[in-house]
């Protein structure tokens, strides 16, 4: 993995990708923007897209927005879009949510694109699950909290690894939510 140091790089560009661009990838986009601003890194381009065009033009899932707001990430707006060939040249990193997304992206990526394709969860060595669960259509609010916690943690690890930051105190703390087990 190439290390990018803030002092030697002028910018960072990351595209988050999931299937429909309504839940996971917009959540990751919002979280990454929040983290980068909080560590004082301001020269970045962060966006999100879907591998499929099922919901192009639709707003981010309401539960996703609710969770982001509860976590202090307010005023985030996004309309779903589908990834396009230009994205493979525009972004340094294209981070997807699951193996299916990765296979789709690998089949789309032009041979001369320098974009690095990877699942977001791969940045955490001791992660039990590298795929980020897709909560689309899930009415269990706890599923969305779990997705948020997974994304928040992996985005922080990505920033630390890619920007080469060593001072943990400069990273925003995750506002942990106690997850209750469903006994049904």
Protein backbone atom coordinates (compact mmCIF):
# COMPACT_ATOMS: atom_id res chain seq x y z
CA UNK A 1 0.00 0.00 0.00
CA UNK A 2 1.31 3.45 -0.89
CA UNK A 3 1.65 5.77 2.04
CA UNK A 4 0.56 9.36 1.50
CA UNK A 5 1.92 11.87 3.96
CA UNK A 6 0.04 15.12 4.50
CA UNK A 7 3.26 17.10 4.25
CA UNK A 8 4.17 15.63 0.84
CA UNK A 9 0.73 15.37 -0.72
CA UNK A 10 -1.45 18.31 -1.62
CA UNK A 11 -4.71 16.41 -1.84
CA UNK A 12 -6.60 13.20 -1.21
CA UNK A 13 -9.49 11.90 -3.29
CA UNK A 14 -11.73 9.04 -2.19
CA UNK A 15 -14.87 7.62 -3.73
CA UNK A 16 -17.00 5.30 -1.61
CA UNK A 17 -19.09 2.76 -3.50
CA UNK A 18 -21.94 0.44 -2.55
CA UNK A 19 -24.74 -1.11 -4.58
CA UNK A 20 -27.35 1.69 -4.68
CA UNK A 21 -25.64 4.73 -3.11
CA UNK A 22 -28.44 5.31 -0.61
CA UNK A 23 -27.16 3.96 2.75
CA UNK A 24 -23.58 2.74 3.19
CA UNK A 25 -21.55 4.77 0.70
CA UNK A 26 -23.22 8.13 1.51
CA UNK A 27 -22.71 7.34 5.20
CA UNK A 28 -19.02 6.65 4.54
CA UNK A 29 -18.75 9.86 2.51
CA UNK A 30 -20.21 11.93 5.36
CA UNK A 31 -18.06 10.20 7.99
CA UNK A 32 -14.85 10.63 5.98
CA UNK A 33 -15.51 14.34 5.41
CA UNK A 34 -16.15 14.73 9.14
CA UNK A 35 -12.95 12.91 10.10
CA UNK A 36 -10.75 14.76 7.59
CA UNK A 37 -12.04 18.15 8.73
CA UNK A 38 -11.51 17.20 12.38
CA UNK A 39 -7.88 16.18 11.81
CA UNK A 40 -7.22 19.45 9.99
CA UNK A 41 -6.88 18.02 6.50
CA UNK A 42 -8.77 20.34 4.18
CA UNK A 43 -7.55 19.57 0.67
CA UNK A 44 -9.66 16.56 -0.21
CA UNK A 45 -12.35 15.33 -2.55
CA UNK A 46 -14.73 12.77 -1.10
CA UNK A 47 -17.82 11.48 -2.89
CA UNK A 48 -19.92 8.35 -3.17
CA UNK A 49 -21.64 6.35 -5.90
CA UNK A 50 -23.38 3.06 -6.54
CA UNK A 51 -22.49 0.24 -8.89
CA UNK A 52 -26.13 0.08 -10.01
CA UNK A 53 -28.46 2.89 -11.01
CA UNK A 54 -31.60 1.75 -9.20
CA UNK A 55 -31.96 4.93 -7.11
CA UNK A 56 -30.16 7.60 -9.17
CA UNK A 57 -31.33 11.06 -8.12
CA UNK A 58 -32.92 9.93 -4.87
CA UNK A 59 -31.91 11.35 -1.50
CA UNK A 60 -29.88 9.47 1.09
CA UNK A 61 -31.86 7.00 3.19
CA UNK A 62 -33.70 8.76 6.04
CA UNK A 63 -32.39 6.39 8.72
CA UNK A 64 -28.83 6.97 7.51
CA UNK A 65 -29.35 10.72 7.84
CA UNK A 66 -30.88 10.25 11.31
CA UNK A 67 -27.86 8.26 12.51
CA UNK A 68 -25.42 10.81 11.06
CA UNK A 69 -27.28 13.65 12.78
CA UNK A 70 -27.24 11.79 16.11
CA UNK A 71 -23.46 11.42 15.70
CA UNK A 72 -22.98 15.15 15.11
CA UNK A 73 -22.71 15.02 11.32
CA UNK A 74 -25.39 17.46 10.31
CA UNK A 75 -26.47 19.14 7.10
CA UNK A 76 -25.24 16.27 4.93
CA UNK A 77 -27.04 16.08 1.62
CA UNK A 78 -26.46 13.67 -1.24
CA UNK A 79 -28.33 12.39 -4.22
CA UNK A 80 -27.65 8.85 -5.37
CA UNK A 81 -25.58 8.45 -8.50
CA UNK A 82 -24.02 5.61 -10.42
CA UNK A 83 -20.27 5.29 -10.80
CA UNK A 84 -18.95 6.31 -14.21
CA UNK A 85 -15.70 5.70 -16.09
CA UNK A 86 -14.45 9.21 -15.27
CA UNK A 87 -14.46 8.30 -11.57
CA UNK A 88 -11.66 5.80 -12.17
CA UNK A 89 -9.45 8.71 -13.29
CA UNK A 90 -10.73 11.35 -10.88
CA UNK A 91 -10.21 9.46 -7.59
CA UNK A 92 -7.02 8.07 -6.05
CA UNK A 93 -8.97 5.59 -3.94
CA UNK A 94 -12.23 3.82 -4.72
CA UNK A 95 -13.32 2.09 -1.52
CA UNK A 96 -16.26 -0.25 -1.71
CA UNK A 97 -18.45 -1.81 0.93
CA UNK A 98 -18.44 -5.50 -0.02
CA UNK A 99 -16.93 -8.19 -2.22
CA UNK A 100 -19.74 -7.95 -4.77
CA UNK A 101 -19.03 -4.24 -5.20
CA UNK A 102 -15.32 -4.99 -5.61
CA UNK A 103 -15.97 -7.56 -8.35
CA UNK A 104 -18.22 -5.07 -10.17
CA UNK A 105 -15.60 -2.32 -9.90
CA UNK A 106 -12.78 -4.60 -11.07
CA UNK A 107 -14.77 -5.47 -14.17
CA UNK A 108 -15.44 -1.76 -14.91
CA UNK A 109 -12.00 -0.32 -14.19
CA UNK A 110 -10.13 0.82 -17.30
CA UNK A 111 -6.70 -0.76 -17.70
CA UNK A 112 -4.91 2.60 -17.60
CA UNK A 113 -6.63 3.86 -14.43
CA UNK A 114 -4.37 4.38 -11.42
CA UNK A 115 -7.25 4.34 -8.91
CA UNK A 116 -6.74 1.90 -6.05
CA UNK A 117 -9.74 -0.41 -5.58
CA UNK A 118 -10.24 -1.91 -2.17
CA UNK A 119 -12.93 -2.89 0.30
CA UNK A 120 -13.05 -0.38 3.15
CA UNK A 121 -12.92 -3.15 5.75
CA UNK A 122 -9.56 -4.39 4.44
CA UNK A 123 -7.78 -1.55 6.22
CA UNK A 124 -8.37 -3.16 9.59
CA UNK A 125 -6.19 -6.24 10.12
CA UNK A 126 -8.12 -7.74 13.01
CA UNK A 127 -11.59 -7.05 11.62
CA UNK A 128 -13.85 -10.10 11.75
CA UNK A 129 -15.94 -8.82 8.85
CA UNK A 130 -14.36 -6.93 5.97
CA UNK A 131 -17.70 -6.39 4.21
CA UNK A 132 -19.94 -3.62 5.48
CA UNK A 133 -23.46 -4.99 6.01
CA UNK A 134 -26.09 -3.56 3.67
CA UNK A 135 -28.95 -2.22 5.83
CA UNK A 136 -31.11 -1.18 2.88
CA UNK A 137 -34.68 -2.17 3.64
CA UNK A 138 -33.78 -3.22 7.18
CA UNK A 139 -36.21 -1.75 9.69
CA UNK A 140 -33.96 -2.64 12.62
CA UNK A 141 -32.37 0.62 13.70
CA UNK A 142 -29.58 -1.31 15.44
CA UNK A 143 -28.37 -2.55 12.05
CA UNK A 144 -27.76 1.05 10.98
CA UNK A 145 -25.87 1.80 14.20
CA UNK A 146 -23.66 -1.24 13.59
CA UNK A 147 -23.00 -0.06 10.03
CA UNK A 148 -22.12 3.42 11.31
CA UNK A 149 -19.70 2.01 13.91
CA UNK A 150 -18.07 -0.24 11.29
CA UNK A 151 -17.68 2.66 8.84
CA UNK A 152 -16.46 5.12 11.47
CA UNK A 153 -13.79 2.71 12.69
CA UNK A 154 -12.56 1.71 9.23
CA UNK A 155 -12.52 5.31 7.96
CA UNK A 156 -10.39 6.32 10.94
CA UNK A 157 -7.95 3.48 10.24
CA UNK A 158 -7.83 4.46 6.54
CA UNK A 159 -7.03 8.08 7.41
CA UNK A 160 -4.31 7.04 9.87
CA UNK A 161 -2.70 4.68 7.37
CA UNK A 162 -2.98 6.82 4.27
CA UNK A 163 -2.19 10.18 5.81
CA UNK A 164 0.46 8.68 8.07
CA UNK A 165 -0.93 10.37 11.15
CA UNK A 166 0.46 9.01 14.41
CA UNK A 167 -1.24 11.17 17.03
CA UNK A 168 -4.42 9.36 18.06
CA UNK A 169 -5.64 12.30 20.10
CA UNK A 170 -6.31 14.35 16.97
CA UNK A 171 -8.91 11.88 15.72
CA UNK A 172 -12.55 12.36 16.64
CA UNK A 173 -13.87 9.84 19.11
CA UNK A 174 -16.72 7.63 18.04
CA UNK A 175 -19.85 8.37 20.01
CA UNK A 176 -20.53 4.78 20.97
CA UNK A 177 -24.06 3.53 20.97
CA UNK A 178 -24.99 0.62 23.16
CA UNK A 179 -26.41 -2.08 20.93
CA UNK A 180 -28.98 -4.32 22.53
CA UNK A 181 -29.32 -7.86 21.33
CA UNK A 182 -32.73 -8.63 19.88
CA UNK A 183 -34.10 -11.47 21.97
CA UNK A 184 -36.77 -12.48 19.45
